[in-house]
Amino acid sequence: MRVLAIDTALAACSAAVLDVARGEIAASESTPMERGHAEALMPLLSRVMQAAGLRFAELDRIVVTTGPGSFTGLRVGIAAARGLGVSTGVPVVGVTTLSAYAAPYLATDEATPVVAAIDARHSHVYLEVFGAGGRTLIAPRLAPLEDAVRAAAQAPSHLVGSAAQAIADALPYGAPRPKSVDPRGAPDIGWVARIGAVVPDKGEAPKPQYLRAPDAQPQHAAQLPRR
């Protein structure tokens, strides 16, 4: 199986090709960025596919991060993945950014909880907590930073995601110290590919997992009356 992974959900524009039979990443590229994913993605995909020596139609699966993350970034990646799937007939699946963040820690230390948290601004985070064996202890949600700190204070944990350092800094005196703090701005694209290779294909197009309403709302009160 050859899997193309795409991630534009957060602070990077990334893609990778995983050769499952060889157990290796054939090609990958990740460019840190807060904006400009739409302009950067297709040239980046072309470079990665060229480096892997593949045409898009030769892929067996495409995987894309579905959030939570940037509203615009999510739409860019998901639209590109779905468009490639339609044009080539290659199945497309989605994985969440929080599970991609947690995956490398669960793979190497499944006994230690993982607190995956993304900065959602205004003292809130997108949060998911994984227990032993990858069991979900707290389902994906938008939560106050204090809730994430409380979860991390229950036991020594791996903290990962753009809010990881903020959680570590806010732990109260006497609380268990984290086993690790990884404040990276986006998940490892190689792990997005690895998860995408094993998640069930439900035959449905991936949809964004926003977890919150957009900050910009229509100004209904300011609408002009229709004639």
Protein backbone atom coordinates (compact mmCIF):
# COMPACT_ATOMS: atom_id res chain seq x y z
CA MET A 1 0.00 0.00 0.00
CA ARG A 2 1.21 3.50 -0.89
CA VAL A 3 -0.35 6.30 1.13
CA LEU A 4 -0.21 10.04 0.52
CA ALA A 5 -0.67 12.10 3.68
CA ILE A 6 -1.69 15.78 3.63
CA ASP A 7 -1.75 18.21 6.56
CA THR A 8 -2.65 21.89 6.39
CA ALA A 9 -4.68 22.05 9.60
CA LEU A 10 -2.27 24.02 11.76
CA ALA A 11 1.07 25.82 11.52
CA ALA A 12 2.58 23.82 8.66
CA CYS A 13 1.94 22.70 5.11
CA SER A 14 3.04 19.07 4.94
CA ALA A 15 2.83 15.96 2.79
CA ALA A 16 4.41 12.52 2.84
CA VAL A 17 4.23 9.27 0.93
CA LEU A 18 4.35 6.08 3.01
CA ASP A 19 5.33 2.78 1.40
CA VAL A 20 3.66 0.31 3.75
CA ALA A 21 5.25 -2.77 2.19
CA ARG A 22 8.73 -1.37 2.82
CA GLY A 23 7.75 0.19 6.12
CA GLU A 24 9.29 3.52 5.22
CA ILE A 25 8.47 7.09 4.26
CA ALA A 26 9.36 7.32 0.58
CA ALA A 27 9.27 11.13 0.50
CA SER A 28 8.09 13.97 2.71
CA GLU A 29 8.19 17.73 3.02
CA SER A 30 6.94 20.06 5.75
CA THR A 31 7.03 23.85 5.61
CA PRO A 32 6.14 25.85 8.73
CA MET A 33 3.51 28.50 7.98
CA GLU A 34 0.54 30.18 9.60
CA ARG A 35 -1.04 31.37 6.33
CA GLY A 36 -0.68 30.68 2.63
CA HIS A 37 -1.48 26.96 2.65
CA ALA A 38 -3.69 27.25 -0.43
CA GLU A 39 -0.84 28.63 -2.55
CA ALA A 40 1.80 26.29 -1.15
CA LEU A 41 0.01 22.93 -1.09
CA MET A 42 -0.23 21.82 -4.73
CA PRO A 43 3.42 22.64 -5.61
CA LEU A 44 4.47 20.86 -2.41
CA LEU A 45 2.41 17.79 -3.34
CA SER A 46 3.98 17.74 -6.80
CA ARG A 47 7.48 17.80 -5.30
CA VAL A 48 6.71 15.02 -2.83
CA MET A 49 5.14 12.78 -5.47
CA GLN A 50 8.07 13.39 -7.80
CA ALA A 51 10.52 12.53 -5.03
CA ALA A 52 8.59 9.33 -4.35
CA GLY A 53 8.60 8.46 -8.06
CA LEU A 54 4.83 8.06 -8.21
CA ARG A 55 1.84 9.40 -10.10
CA PHE A 56 -1.27 10.25 -8.08
CA ALA A 57 -3.19 7.42 -9.78
CA GLU A 58 -0.62 4.93 -8.46
CA LEU A 59 -1.54 5.66 -4.85
CA ASP A 60 -3.66 3.23 -2.86
CA ARG A 61 -4.96 5.74 -0.33
CA ILE A 62 -4.94 9.45 0.50
CA VAL A 63 -5.20 10.63 4.11
CA VAL A 64 -5.82 14.18 5.30
CA THR A 65 -5.98 15.78 8.74
CA THR A 66 -9.54 16.80 9.58
CA GLY A 67 -8.91 19.01 12.60
CA PRO A 68 -9.37 20.60 14.94
CA GLY A 69 -7.32 23.44 13.53
CA SER A 70 -7.50 26.52 11.37
CA PHE A 71 -10.84 26.89 9.58
CA THR A 72 -9.13 27.96 6.36
CA GLY A 73 -6.29 25.46 6.62
CA LEU A 74 -8.67 22.56 7.14
CA ARG A 75 -10.71 23.48 4.09
CA VAL A 76 -7.56 23.71 1.93
CA GLY A 77 -6.26 20.26 2.82
CA ILE A 78 -9.59 18.48 2.77
CA ALA A 79 -10.61 20.04 -0.55
CA ALA A 80 -7.29 19.03 -2.13
CA ALA A 81 -7.54 15.46 -0.83
CA ARG A 82 -11.13 15.05 -1.93
CA GLY A 83 -10.36 16.55 -5.33
CA LEU A 84 -7.46 14.16 -5.87
CA GLY A 85 -9.66 11.27 -4.77
CA VAL A 86 -12.39 12.16 -7.25
CA SER A 87 -9.97 12.66 -10.15
CA THR A 88 -7.98 9.44 -9.55
CA GLY A 89 -10.48 7.12 -7.90
CA VAL A 90 -8.13 6.68 -4.94
CA PRO A 91 -9.92 6.27 -1.56
CA VAL A 92 -9.61 9.23 0.84
CA VAL A 93 -9.72 8.93 4.64
CA GLY A 94 -9.34 11.43 7.48
CA VAL A 95 -7.49 11.45 10.79
CA THR A 96 -7.73 14.04 13.54
CA THR A 97 -4.85 16.32 14.42
CA LEU A 98 -5.10 15.34 18.09
CA SER A 99 -4.73 11.62 17.36
CA ALA A 100 -1.80 12.35 15.03
CA TYR A 101 -0.12 14.35 17.80
CA ALA A 102 -0.54 11.49 20.27
CA ALA A 103 0.37 8.59 17.96
CA PRO A 104 4.19 8.53 18.35
CA TYR A 105 3.90 8.59 22.15
CA LEU A 106 1.25 5.87 22.26
CA ALA A 107 3.38 3.74 19.94
CA THR A 108 6.46 3.86 22.16
CA ASP A 109 4.98 4.22 25.67
CA GLU A 110 1.41 3.00 25.75
CA ALA A 111 1.33 2.88 29.57
CA THR A 112 1.68 6.65 30.00
CA PRO A 113 -1.26 9.02 29.39
CA VAL A 114 -0.98 11.51 26.54
CA VAL A 115 -2.54 14.97 26.78
CA ALA A 116 -2.86 16.37 23.25
CA ALA A 117 -3.80 20.04 23.21
CA ILE A 118 -3.91 22.75 20.56
CA ASP A 119 -4.02 26.45 21.38
CA ALA A 120 -7.55 27.67 20.55
CA ARG A 121 -6.85 31.19 21.88
CA HIS A 122 -8.74 33.12 24.54
CA SER A 123 -7.42 30.73 27.25
CA HIS A 124 -9.03 27.72 25.57
CA VAL A 125 -7.59 24.61 23.96
CA TYR A 126 -8.70 21.81 21.70
CA LEU A 127 -8.16 18.84 23.99
CA GLU A 128 -8.05 15.06 23.90
CA VAL A 129 -6.59 12.80 26.58
CA PHE A 130 -5.47 9.24 25.87
CA GLY A 131 -4.91 6.58 28.52
CA ALA A 132 -3.15 3.22 28.56
CA GLY A 133 -3.30 1.43 25.24
CA GLY A 134 -4.60 4.52 23.47
CA ARG A 135 -7.98 4.43 25.23
CA THR A 136 -9.74 7.80 25.08
CA LEU A 137 -10.13 9.29 28.55
CA ILE A 138 -11.38 12.71 27.44
CA ALA A 139 -13.00 12.89 24.01
CA PRO A 140 -12.02 15.70 21.62
CA ARG A 141 -13.49 19.00 22.78
CA LEU A 142 -12.98 22.73 23.11
CA ALA A 143 -12.10 23.30 26.77
CA PRO A 144 -10.73 25.99 29.08
CA LEU A 145 -7.00 25.78 29.62
CA GLU A 146 -7.73 25.01 33.27
CA ASP A 147 -9.42 21.74 32.27
CA ALA A 148 -6.34 20.65 30.36
CA VAL A 149 -4.11 21.53 33.31
CA ARG A 150 -6.37 19.55 35.62
CA ALA A 151 -6.16 16.53 33.32
CA ALA A 152 -2.37 16.76 33.11
CA ALA A 153 -2.10 17.02 36.89
CA GLN A 154 -3.68 13.59 37.44
CA ALA A 155 -0.53 11.61 36.59
CA PRO A 156 2.83 11.99 34.81
CA SER A 157 1.86 12.44 31.15
CA HIS A 158 3.26 13.22 27.75
CA LEU A 159 2.09 16.72 26.79
CA VAL A 160 2.03 17.38 23.05
CA GLY A 161 0.62 20.09 20.81
CA SER A 162 0.86 23.85 20.49
CA ALA A 163 -0.65 24.30 23.98
CA ALA A 164 1.65 21.76 25.66
CA GLN A 165 4.05 24.31 27.12
CA ALA A 166 1.22 26.49 28.43
CA ILE A 167 -0.22 23.47 30.24
CA ALA A 168 3.16 22.53 31.70
CA ASP A 169 3.76 26.08 32.89
CA ALA A 170 0.36 26.21 34.61
CA LEU A 171 0.67 22.94 36.56
CA PRO A 172 0.24 23.65 40.27
CA TYR A 173 3.02 23.14 42.78
CA GLY A 174 3.23 19.52 43.86
CA ALA A 175 1.48 18.13 40.78
CA PRO A 176 3.20 15.27 38.93
CA ARG A 177 5.73 16.55 36.41
CA PRO A 178 5.19 15.70 32.73
CA LYS A 179 7.26 12.89 31.29
CA SER A 180 7.75 15.05 28.20
CA VAL A 181 6.61 18.38 26.78
CA ASP A 182 6.42 18.65 22.97
CA PRO A 183 5.04 22.05 21.87
CA ARG A 184 5.35 21.49 18.12
CA GLY A 185 2.98 23.52 15.97
CA ALA A 186 1.78 20.64 13.80
CA PRO A 187 1.79 16.83 14.00
CA ASP A 188 4.51 14.71 12.39
CA ILE A 189 3.32 14.11 8.82
CA GLY A 190 4.87 10.64 8.85
CA TRP A 191 2.54 9.64 11.67
CA VAL A 192 -0.43 11.08 9.81
CA ALA A 193 0.48 8.69 6.99
CA ARG A 194 0.92 5.72 9.34
CA ILE A 195 -2.46 6.26 11.01
CA GLY A 196 -4.07 6.79 7.62
CA ALA A 197 -2.78 3.42 6.43
CA VAL A 198 -4.67 1.54 9.16
CA VAL A 199 -7.87 3.50 9.83
CA PRO A 200 -11.00 1.89 8.38
CA ASP A 201 -12.20 3.26 5.06
CA LYS A 202 -15.89 3.95 5.63
CA GLY A 203 -16.41 5.07 2.06
CA GLU A 204 -17.29 8.60 3.15
CA ALA A 205 -15.50 11.79 2.18
CA PRO A 206 -13.57 13.32 5.11
CA LYS A 207 -15.23 16.27 6.80
CA PRO A 208 -13.64 18.96 8.99
CA GLN A 209 -13.82 18.59 12.76
CA TYR A 210 -13.95 22.20 13.89
CA LEU A 211 -15.10 21.73 17.54
CA ARG A 212 -16.11 25.40 17.67
CA ALA A 213 -18.11 27.96 15.76
CA PRO A 214 -16.19 30.43 13.58
CA ASP A 215 -15.10 33.69 15.20
CA ALA A 216 -16.61 35.69 12.33
CA GLN A 217 -20.41 35.61 12.41
CA PRO A 218 -22.93 37.23 10.04
CA GLN A 219 -24.22 40.54 11.32
CA HIS A 220 -27.91 39.69 11.07
CA ALA A 221 -28.95 42.87 12.83
CA ALA A 222 -27.16 44.93 10.23
CA GLN A 223 -28.81 43.28 7.22
CA LEU A 224 -30.75 45.59 4.94
CA PRO A 225 -34.42 44.76 4.45
CA ARG A 226 -35.33 43.13 1.17
CA ARG A 227 -37.40 45.11 -1.29
